[in-house]
Amino acid sequence: KTSGLKMNTDFFVGYSPERINPGDKEHTVSKILK
């Protein structure tokens, strides 16, 4: 509605759940399987 574009024709979407555990210096973003 906002863009005037259509999904999978004009643009694409995805979902990738965050798994960061605040304060955890061992399991940082790059070290957690995504």
PDB file of all heavy atoms in Angstrom:
ATOM      1  N   LYS A   1       0.824  -1.207   0.000  1.00  0.00           N
ATOM      2  CA  LYS A   1       0.000   0.000   0.000  1.00  0.00           C
ATOM      3  C   LYS A   1       0.860   1.260   0.000  1.00  0.00           C
ATOM      4  O   LYS A   1       0.588   2.227  -0.728  1.00  0.00           O
ATOM      5  CB  LYS A   1      -0.931  -0.001   1.219  1.00  0.00           C
ATOM      6  CG  LYS A   1      -1.847   1.218   1.278  1.00  0.00           C
ATOM      7  CD  LYS A   1      -2.733   1.165   2.520  1.00  0.00           C
ATOM      8  CE  LYS A   1      -3.627   2.403   2.599  1.00  0.00           C
ATOM      9  NZ  LYS A   1      -4.486   2.380   3.824  1.00  0.00           N
ATOM     10  N   THR A   2       1.908   1.264   0.832  1.00  0.00           N
ATOM     11  CA  THR A   2       2.743   2.458   0.976  1.00  0.00           C
ATOM     12  C   THR A   2       3.630   2.686  -0.243  1.00  0.00           C
ATOM     13  O   THR A   2       3.860   3.827  -0.649  1.00  0.00           O
ATOM     14  CB  THR A   2       3.621   2.353   2.241  1.00  0.00           C
ATOM     15  OG1 THR A   2       2.820   1.976   3.362  1.00  0.00           O
ATOM     16  CG2 THR A   2       4.296   3.676   2.554  1.00  0.00           C
ATOM     17  N   SER A   3       4.131   1.612  -0.819  1.00  0.00           N
ATOM     18  CA  SER A   3       5.071   1.727  -1.936  1.00  0.00           C
ATOM     19  C   SER A   3       4.399   1.736  -3.303  1.00  0.00           C
ATOM     20  O   SER A   3       4.987   2.219  -4.287  1.00  0.00           O
ATOM     21  CB  SER A   3       6.076   0.575  -1.894  1.00  0.00           C
ATOM     22  OG  SER A   3       5.433  -0.673  -2.170  1.00  0.00           O
ATOM     23  N   GLY A   4       3.199   1.151  -3.391  1.00  0.00           N
ATOM     24  CA  GLY A   4       2.548   0.988  -4.682  1.00  0.00           C
ATOM     25  C   GLY A   4       3.110  -0.176  -5.483  1.00  0.00           C
ATOM     26  O   GLY A   4       2.792  -0.350  -6.664  1.00  0.00           O
ATOM     27  N   LEU A   5       3.948  -1.002  -4.853  1.00  0.00           N
ATOM     28  CA  LEU A   5       4.573  -2.150  -5.494  1.00  0.00           C
ATOM     29  C   LEU A   5       3.893  -3.444  -5.070  1.00  0.00           C
ATOM     30  O   LEU A   5       3.149  -3.471  -4.087  1.00  0.00           O
ATOM     31  CB  LEU A   5       6.061  -2.205  -5.144  1.00  0.00           C
ATOM     32  CG  LEU A   5       6.883  -0.938  -5.447  1.00  0.00           C
ATOM     33  CD1 LEU A   5       8.304  -1.079  -4.907  1.00  0.00           C
ATOM     34  CD2 LEU A   5       6.908  -0.652  -6.952  1.00  0.00           C
ATOM     35  N   LYS A   6       4.172  -4.539  -5.806  1.00  0.00           N
ATOM     36  CA  LYS A   6       3.543  -5.820  -5.514  1.00  0.00           C
ATOM     37  C   LYS A   6       4.598  -6.860  -5.156  1.00  0.00           C
ATOM     38  O   LYS A   6       5.613  -6.995  -5.841  1.00  0.00           O
ATOM     39  CB  LYS A   6       2.713  -6.300  -6.707  1.00  0.00           C
ATOM     40  CG  LYS A   6       1.850  -7.534  -6.398  1.00  0.00           C
ATOM     41  CD  LYS A   6       0.804  -7.751  -7.415  1.00  0.00           C
ATOM     42  CE  LYS A   6      -0.067  -8.965  -7.091  1.00  0.00           C
ATOM     43  NZ  LYS A   6      -0.819  -8.754  -5.802  1.00  0.00           N
ATOM     44  N   MET A   7       4.317  -7.611  -4.056  1.00  0.00           N
ATOM     45  CA  MET A   7       5.248  -8.636  -3.612  1.00  0.00           C
ATOM     46  C   MET A   7       5.416  -9.722  -4.656  1.00  0.00           C
ATOM     47  O   MET A   7       4.456 -10.147  -5.295  1.00  0.00           O
ATOM     48  CB  MET A   7       4.760  -9.270  -2.296  1.00  0.00           C
ATOM     49  CG  MET A   7       5.755 -10.284  -1.734  1.00  0.00           C
ATOM     50  SD  MET A   7       5.236 -11.120  -0.228  1.00  0.00           S
ATOM     51  CE  MET A   7       4.008 -12.275  -0.868  1.00  0.00           C
ATOM     52  N   ASN A   8       6.653 -10.173  -4.796  1.00  0.00           N
ATOM     53  CA  ASN A   8       7.071 -11.244  -5.715  1.00  0.00           C
ATOM     54  C   ASN A   8       6.990 -10.862  -7.189  1.00  0.00           C
ATOM     55  O   ASN A   8       7.330 -11.662  -8.049  1.00  0.00           O
ATOM     56  CB  ASN A   8       6.309 -12.551  -5.465  1.00  0.00           C
ATOM     57  CG  ASN A   8       6.652 -13.168  -4.120  1.00  0.00           C
ATOM     58  OD1 ASN A   8       7.681 -12.849  -3.524  1.00  0.00           O
ATOM     59  ND2 ASN A   8       5.797 -14.063  -3.632  1.00  0.00           N
ATOM     60  N   THR A   9       6.535  -9.652  -7.448  1.00  0.00           N
ATOM     61  CA  THR A   9       6.615  -9.088  -8.792  1.00  0.00           C
ATOM     62  C   THR A   9       7.602  -7.927  -8.799  1.00  0.00           C
ATOM     63  O   THR A   9       8.530  -7.876  -9.604  1.00  0.00           O
ATOM     64  CB  THR A   9       5.238  -8.604  -9.271  1.00  0.00           C
ATOM     65  OG1 THR A   9       4.309  -9.686  -9.281  1.00  0.00           O
ATOM     66  CG2 THR A   9       5.351  -8.030 -10.694  1.00  0.00           C
ATOM     67  N   ASP A  10       7.401  -7.002  -7.855  1.00  0.00           N
ATOM     68  CA  ASP A  10       8.250  -5.813  -7.765  1.00  0.00           C
ATOM     69  C   ASP A  10       9.271  -5.890  -6.629  1.00  0.00           C
ATOM     70  O   ASP A  10      10.333  -5.275  -6.711  1.00  0.00           O
ATOM     71  CB  ASP A  10       7.383  -4.569  -7.573  1.00  0.00           C
ATOM     72  CG  ASP A  10       6.396  -4.374  -8.718  1.00  0.00           C
ATOM     73  OD1 ASP A  10       6.814  -4.512  -9.879  1.00  0.00           O
ATOM     74  OD2 ASP A  10       5.210  -4.095  -8.441  1.00  0.00           O
ATOM     75  N   PHE A  11       8.922  -6.563  -5.564  1.00  0.00           N
ATOM     76  CA  PHE A  11       9.839  -6.709  -4.434  1.00  0.00           C
ATOM     77  C   PHE A  11       9.646  -8.072  -3.779  1.00  0.00           C
ATOM     78  O   PHE A  11       8.694  -8.792  -4.084  1.00  0.00           O
ATOM     79  CB  PHE A  11       9.630  -5.584  -3.403  1.00  0.00           C
ATOM     80  CG  PHE A  11       8.341  -5.688  -2.628  1.00  0.00           C
ATOM     81  CD1 PHE A  11       8.289  -6.316  -1.391  1.00  0.00           C
ATOM     82  CD2 PHE A  11       7.168  -5.135  -3.130  1.00  0.00           C
ATOM     83  CE1 PHE A  11       7.098  -6.402  -0.672  1.00  0.00           C
ATOM     84  CE2 PHE A  11       5.972  -5.215  -2.430  1.00  0.00           C
ATOM     85  CZ  PHE A  11       5.936  -5.860  -1.196  1.00  0.00           C
ATOM     86  N   PHE A  12      10.554  -8.408  -2.835  1.00  0.00           N
ATOM     87  CA  PHE A  12      10.527  -9.725  -2.201  1.00  0.00           C
ATOM     88  C   PHE A  12      10.696  -9.563  -0.694  1.00  0.00           C
ATOM     89  O   PHE A  12      11.256  -8.570  -0.214  1.00  0.00           O
ATOM     90  CB  PHE A  12      11.629 -10.613  -2.777  1.00  0.00           C
ATOM     91  CG  PHE A  12      11.573 -10.705  -4.276  1.00  0.00           C
ATOM     92  CD1 PHE A  12      12.287  -9.803  -5.071  1.00  0.00           C
ATOM     93  CD2 PHE A  12      10.784 -11.649  -4.905  1.00  0.00           C
ATOM     94  CE1 PHE A  12      12.226  -9.857  -6.452  1.00  0.00           C
ATOM     95  CE2 PHE A  12      10.705 -11.712  -6.296  1.00  0.00           C
ATOM     96  CZ  PHE A  12      11.424 -10.816  -7.058  1.00  0.00           C
ATOM     97  N   VAL A  13      10.206 -10.517   0.050  1.00  0.00           N
ATOM     98  CA  VAL A  13      10.326 -10.444   1.505  1.00  0.00           C
ATOM     99  C   VAL A  13      10.921 -11.737   2.060  1.00  0.00           C
ATOM    100  O   VAL A  13      10.926 -12.780   1.389  1.00  0.00           O
ATOM    101  CB  VAL A  13       8.963 -10.171   2.202  1.00  0.00           C
ATOM    102  CG1 VAL A  13       8.401  -8.842   1.805  1.00  0.00           C
ATOM    103  CG2 VAL A  13       7.975 -11.293   1.933  1.00  0.00           C
ATOM    104  N   GLY A  14      11.412 -11.633   3.260  1.00  0.00           N
ATOM    105  CA  GLY A  14      11.945 -12.799   3.944  1.00  0.00           C
ATOM    106  C   GLY A  14      11.783 -12.643   5.448  1.00  0.00           C
ATOM    107  O   GLY A  14      11.404 -11.578   5.946  1.00  0.00           O
ATOM    108  N   TYR A  15      12.053 -13.718   6.160  1.00  0.00           N
ATOM    109  CA  TYR A  15      12.026 -13.683   7.615  1.00  0.00           C
ATOM    110  C   TYR A  15      13.220 -14.471   8.144  1.00  0.00           C
ATOM    111  O   TYR A  15      13.470 -15.605   7.722  1.00  0.00           O
ATOM    112  CB  TYR A  15      10.724 -14.272   8.176  1.00  0.00           C
ATOM    113  CG  TYR A  15      10.650 -14.184   9.691  1.00  0.00           C
ATOM    114  CD1 TYR A  15      10.276 -13.005  10.311  1.00  0.00           C
ATOM    115  CD2 TYR A  15      10.988 -15.271  10.492  1.00  0.00           C
ATOM    116  CE1 TYR A  15      10.236 -12.901  11.695  1.00  0.00           C
ATOM    117  CE2 TYR A  15      10.949 -15.181  11.872  1.00  0.00           C
ATOM    118  CZ  TYR A  15      10.575 -13.996  12.468  1.00  0.00           C
ATOM    119  OH  TYR A  15      10.543 -13.892  13.848  1.00  0.00           O
ATOM    120  N   SER A  16      13.954 -13.860   9.057  1.00  0.00           N
ATOM    121  CA  SER A  16      15.113 -14.508   9.663  1.00  0.00           C
ATOM    122  C   SER A  16      15.108 -14.188  11.152  1.00  0.00           C
ATOM    123  O   SER A  16      15.492 -13.084  11.554  1.00  0.00           O
ATOM    124  CB  SER A  16      16.412 -14.010   9.020  1.00  0.00           C
ATOM    125  OG  SER A  16      17.539 -14.656   9.598  1.00  0.00           O
ATOM    126  N   PRO A  17      14.652 -15.115  11.975  1.00  0.00           N
ATOM    127  CA  PRO A  17      14.478 -14.813  13.399  1.00  0.00           C
ATOM    128  C   PRO A  17      15.786 -14.476  14.113  1.00  0.00           C
ATOM    129  O   PRO A  17      16.818 -15.113  13.874  1.00  0.00           O
ATOM    130  CB  PRO A  17      13.878 -16.108  13.961  1.00  0.00           C
ATOM    131  CG  PRO A  17      14.279 -17.186  12.982  1.00  0.00           C
ATOM    132  CD  PRO A  17      14.303 -16.505  11.644  1.00  0.00           C
ATOM    133  N   GLU A  18      15.708 -13.440  14.956  1.00  0.00           N
ATOM    134  CA  GLU A  18      16.878 -13.084  15.763  1.00  0.00           C
ATOM    135  C   GLU A  18      17.039 -14.094  16.892  1.00  0.00           C
ATOM    136  O   GLU A  18      16.071 -14.584  17.448  1.00  0.00           O
ATOM    137  CB  GLU A  18      16.737 -11.657  16.296  1.00  0.00           C
ATOM    138  CG  GLU A  18      15.523 -11.376  17.169  1.00  0.00           C
ATOM    139  CD  GLU A  18      15.759 -11.674  18.628  1.00  0.00           C
ATOM    140  OE1 GLU A  18      16.891 -12.073  18.993  1.00  0.00           O
ATOM    141  OE2 GLU A  18      14.805 -11.561  19.407  1.00  0.00           O
ATOM    142  N   ARG A  19      18.291 -14.374  17.229  1.00  0.00           N
ATOM    143  CA  ARG A  19      18.594 -15.332  18.292  1.00  0.00           C
ATOM    144  C   ARG A  19      19.590 -14.785  19.294  1.00  0.00           C
ATOM    145  O   ARG A  19      20.173 -15.533  20.080  1.00  0.00           O
ATOM    146  CB  ARG A  19      19.147 -16.625  17.679  1.00  0.00           C
ATOM    147  CG  ARG A  19      18.081 -17.482  16.998  1.00  0.00           C
ATOM    148  CD  ARG A  19      18.674 -18.680  16.320  1.00  0.00           C
ATOM    149  NE  ARG A  19      17.671 -19.716  16.066  1.00  0.00           N
ATOM    150  CZ  ARG A  19      17.885 -20.806  15.375  1.00  0.00           C
ATOM    151  NH1 ARG A  19      19.080 -20.996  14.822  1.00  0.00           N
ATOM    152  NH2 ARG A  19      16.926 -21.697  15.193  1.00  0.00           N
ATOM    153  N   ILE A  20      19.797 -13.474  19.281  1.00  0.00           N
ATOM    154  CA  ILE A  20      20.775 -12.866  20.184  1.00  0.00           C
ATOM    155  C   ILE A  20      20.285 -12.955  21.625  1.00  0.00           C
ATOM    156  O   ILE A  20      19.117 -12.702  21.918  1.00  0.00           O
ATOM    157  CB  ILE A  20      21.042 -11.410  19.789  1.00  0.00           C
ATOM    158  CG1 ILE A  20      21.769 -11.349  18.451  1.00  0.00           C
ATOM    159  CG2 ILE A  20      21.865 -10.699  20.861  1.00  0.00           C
ATOM    160  CD1 ILE A  20      21.953  -9.953  17.915  1.00  0.00           C
ATOM    161  N   ASN A  21      21.182 -13.284  22.522  1.00  0.00           N
ATOM    162  CA  ASN A  21      20.901 -13.336  23.953  1.00  0.00           C
ATOM    163  C   ASN A  21      21.621 -12.156  24.611  1.00  0.00           C
ATOM    164  O   ASN A  21      22.851 -12.190  24.741  1.00  0.00           O
ATOM    165  CB  ASN A  21      21.399 -14.666  24.528  1.00  0.00           C
ATOM    166  CG  ASN A  21      20.946 -14.886  25.961  1.00  0.00           C
ATOM    167  OD1 ASN A  21      20.033 -14.224  26.443  1.00  0.00           O
ATOM    168  ND2 ASN A  21      21.593 -15.795  26.655  1.00  0.00           N
ATOM    169  N   PRO A  22      20.899 -11.090  24.989  1.00  0.00           N
ATOM    170  CA  PRO A  22      21.562  -9.903  25.539  1.00  0.00           C
ATOM    171  C   PRO A  22      22.537 -10.238  26.660  1.00  0.00           C
ATOM    172  O   PRO A  22      22.231 -11.021  27.555  1.00  0.00           O
ATOM    173  CB  PRO A  22      20.393  -9.060  26.067  1.00  0.00           C
ATOM    174  CG  PRO A  22      19.245  -9.436  25.190  1.00  0.00           C
ATOM    175  CD  PRO A  22      19.433 -10.911  24.928  1.00  0.00           C
ATOM    176  N   GLY A  23      23.705  -9.625  26.594  1.00  0.00           N
ATOM    177  CA  GLY A  23      24.713  -9.826  27.620  1.00  0.00           C
ATOM    178  C   GLY A  23      25.612 -11.030  27.411  1.00  0.00           C
ATOM    179  O   GLY A  23      26.616 -11.194  28.096  1.00  0.00           O
ATOM    180  N   ASP A  24      25.273 -11.885  26.452  1.00  0.00           N
ATOM    181  CA  ASP A  24      26.044 -13.101  26.180  1.00  0.00           C
ATOM    182  C   ASP A  24      27.196 -12.760  25.236  1.00  0.00           C
ATOM    183  O   ASP A  24      26.978 -12.473  24.056  1.00  0.00           O
ATOM    184  CB  ASP A  24      25.137 -14.170  25.561  1.00  0.00           C
ATOM    185  CG  ASP A  24      25.798 -15.537  25.477  1.00  0.00           C
ATOM    186  OD1 ASP A  24      27.041 -15.608  25.447  1.00  0.00           O
ATOM    187  OD2 ASP A  24      25.075 -16.548  25.424  1.00  0.00           O
ATOM    188  N   LYS A  25      28.415 -12.786  25.736  1.00  0.00           N
ATOM    189  CA  LYS A  25      29.577 -12.439  24.932  1.00  0.00           C
ATOM    190  C   LYS A  25      30.177 -13.649  24.220  1.00  0.00           C
ATOM    191  O   LYS A  25      31.109 -13.512  23.427  1.00  0.00           O
ATOM    192  CB  LYS A  25      30.654 -11.791  25.808  1.00  0.00           C
ATOM    193  CG  LYS A  25      30.182 -10.507  26.496  1.00  0.00           C
ATOM    194  CD  LYS A  25      29.620  -9.501  25.506  1.00  0.00           C
ATOM    195  CE  LYS A  25      29.124  -8.230  26.175  1.00  0.00           C
ATOM    196  NZ  LYS A  25      28.479  -7.291  25.210  1.00  0.00           N
ATOM    197  N   GLU A  26      29.639 -14.817  24.494  1.00  0.00           N
ATOM    198  CA  GLU A  26      30.109 -16.032  23.838  1.00  0.00           C
ATOM    199  C   GLU A  26      29.292 -16.331  22.583  1.00  0.00           C
ATOM    200  O   GLU A  26      29.829 -16.588  21.517  1.00  0.00           O
ATOM    201  CB  GLU A  26      30.031 -17.212  24.807  1.00  0.00           C
ATOM    202  CG  GLU A  26      30.544 -18.522  24.192  1.00  0.00           C
ATOM    203  CD  GLU A  26      30.472 -19.685  25.161  1.00  0.00           C
ATOM    204  OE1 GLU A  26      30.198 -19.453  26.364  1.00  0.00           O
ATOM    205  OE2 GLU A  26      30.686 -20.829  24.717  1.00  0.00           O
ATOM    206  N   HIS A  27      27.947 -16.293  22.717  1.00  0.00           N
ATOM    207  CA  HIS A  27      27.069 -16.570  21.587  1.00  0.00           C
ATOM    208  C   HIS A  27      26.633 -15.250  20.943  1.00  0.00           C
ATOM    209  O   HIS A  27      25.495 -14.809  21.051  1.00  0.00           O
ATOM    210  CB  HIS A  27      25.851 -17.372  22.052  1.00  0.00           C
ATOM    211  CG  HIS A  27      26.197 -18.666  22.713  1.00  0.00           C
ATOM    212  ND1 HIS A  27      26.275 -18.788  24.089  1.00  0.00           N
ATOM    213  CD2 HIS A  27      26.523 -19.871  22.202  1.00  0.00           C
ATOM    214  CE1 HIS A  27      26.629 -20.021  24.391  1.00  0.00           C
ATOM    215  NE2 HIS A  27      26.791 -20.705  23.267  1.00  0.00           N
ATOM    216  N   THR A  28      27.572 -14.625  20.251  1.00  0.00           N
ATOM    217  CA  THR A  28      27.293 -13.361  19.571  1.00  0.00           C
ATOM    218  C   THR A  28      26.643 -13.640  18.218  1.00  0.00           C
ATOM    219  O   THR A  28      26.561 -14.781  17.769  1.00  0.00           O
ATOM    220  CB  THR A  28      28.581 -12.563  19.391  1.00  0.00           C
ATOM    221  OG1 THR A  28      29.557 -13.394  18.748  1.00  0.00           O
ATOM    222  CG2 THR A  28      29.126 -12.108  20.751  1.00  0.00           C
ATOM    223  N   VAL A  29      26.174 -12.568  17.557  1.00  0.00           N
ATOM    224  CA  VAL A  29      25.350 -12.727  16.357  1.00  0.00           C
ATOM    225  C   VAL A  29      26.002 -13.594  15.290  1.00  0.00           C
ATOM    226  O   VAL A  29      25.336 -14.422  14.662  1.00  0.00           O
ATOM    227  CB  VAL A  29      24.944 -11.345  15.784  1.00  0.00           C
ATOM    228  CG1 VAL A  29      26.164 -10.517  15.362  1.00  0.00           C
ATOM    229  CG2 VAL A  29      23.984 -11.492  14.607  1.00  0.00           C
ATOM    230  N   SER A  30      27.296 -13.447  15.063  1.00  0.00           N
ATOM    231  CA  SER A  30      27.957 -14.209  13.998  1.00  0.00           C
ATOM    232  C   SER A  30      28.193 -15.665  14.379  1.00  0.00           C
ATOM    233  O   SER A  30      28.459 -16.497  13.506  1.00  0.00           O
ATOM    234  CB  SER A  30      29.282 -13.547  13.610  1.00  0.00           C
ATOM    235  OG  SER A  30      30.197 -13.593  14.694  1.00  0.00           O
ATOM    236  N   LYS A  31      28.078 -15.972  15.674  1.00  0.00           N
ATOM    237  CA  LYS A  31      28.377 -17.321  16.149  1.00  0.00           C
ATOM    238  C   LYS A  31      27.132 -18.162  16.406  1.00  0.00           C
ATOM    239  O   LYS A  31      27.223 -19.273  16.931  1.00  0.00           O
ATOM    240  CB  LYS A  31      29.219 -17.240  17.431  1.00  0.00           C
ATOM    241  CG  LYS A  31      30.564 -16.542  17.241  1.00  0.00           C
ATOM    242  CD  LYS A  31      31.301 -16.401  18.547  1.00  0.00           C
ATOM    243  CE  LYS A  31      32.616 -15.638  18.363  1.00  0.00           C
ATOM    244  NZ  LYS A  31      33.316 -15.413  19.659  1.00  0.00           N
ATOM    245  N   ILE A  32      25.959 -17.624  16.057  1.00  0.00           N
ATOM    246  CA  ILE A  32      24.700 -18.339  16.236  1.00  0.00           C
ATOM    247  C   ILE A  32      24.151 -18.708  14.854  1.00  0.00           C
ATOM    248  O   ILE A  32      23.967 -17.824  14.000  1.00  0.00           O
ATOM    249  CB  ILE A  32      23.662 -17.498  16.989  1.00  0.00           C
ATOM    250  CG1 ILE A  32      24.232 -16.952  18.303  1.00  0.00           C
ATOM    251  CG2 ILE A  32      22.400 -18.320  17.269  1.00  0.00           C
ATOM    252  CD1 ILE A  32      23.342 -15.938  18.991  1.00  0.00           C
ATOM    253  N   LEU A  33      23.905 -19.982  14.617  1.00  0.00           N
ATOM    254  CA  LEU A  33      23.355 -20.410  13.334  1.00  0.00           C
ATOM    255  C   LEU A  33      22.059 -19.649  13.045  1.00  0.00           C
ATOM    256  O   LEU A  33      21.211 -19.503  13.911  1.00  0.00           O
ATOM    257  CB  LEU A  33      23.098 -21.912  13.336  1.00  0.00           C
ATOM    258  CG  LEU A  33      22.822 -22.535  11.964  1.00  0.00           C
ATOM    259  CD1 LEU A  33      23.480 -23.889  11.839  1.00  0.00           C
ATOM    260  CD2 LEU A  33      21.331 -22.657  11.690  1.00  0.00           C
ATOM    261  N   LYS A  34      21.908 -19.156  11.822  1.00  0.00           N
ATOM    262  CA  LYS A  34      20.810 -18.266  11.440  1.00  0.00           C
ATOM    263  C   LYS A  34      19.806 -18.987  10.558  1.00  0.00           C
ATOM    264  O   LYS A  34      20.157 -19.592   9.547  1.00  0.00           O
ATOM    265  CB  LYS A  34      21.371 -17.064  10.672  1.00  0.00           C
ATOM    266  CG  LYS A  34      20.467 -15.840  10.686  1.00  0.00           C
ATOM    267  CD  LYS A  34      20.598 -15.034  11.920  1.00  0.00           C
ATOM    268  CE  LYS A  34      20.084 -13.637  11.834  1.00  0.00           C
ATOM    269  NZ  LYS A  34      18.583 -13.570  11.839  1.00  0.00           N
TER     270      LYS A  34
END
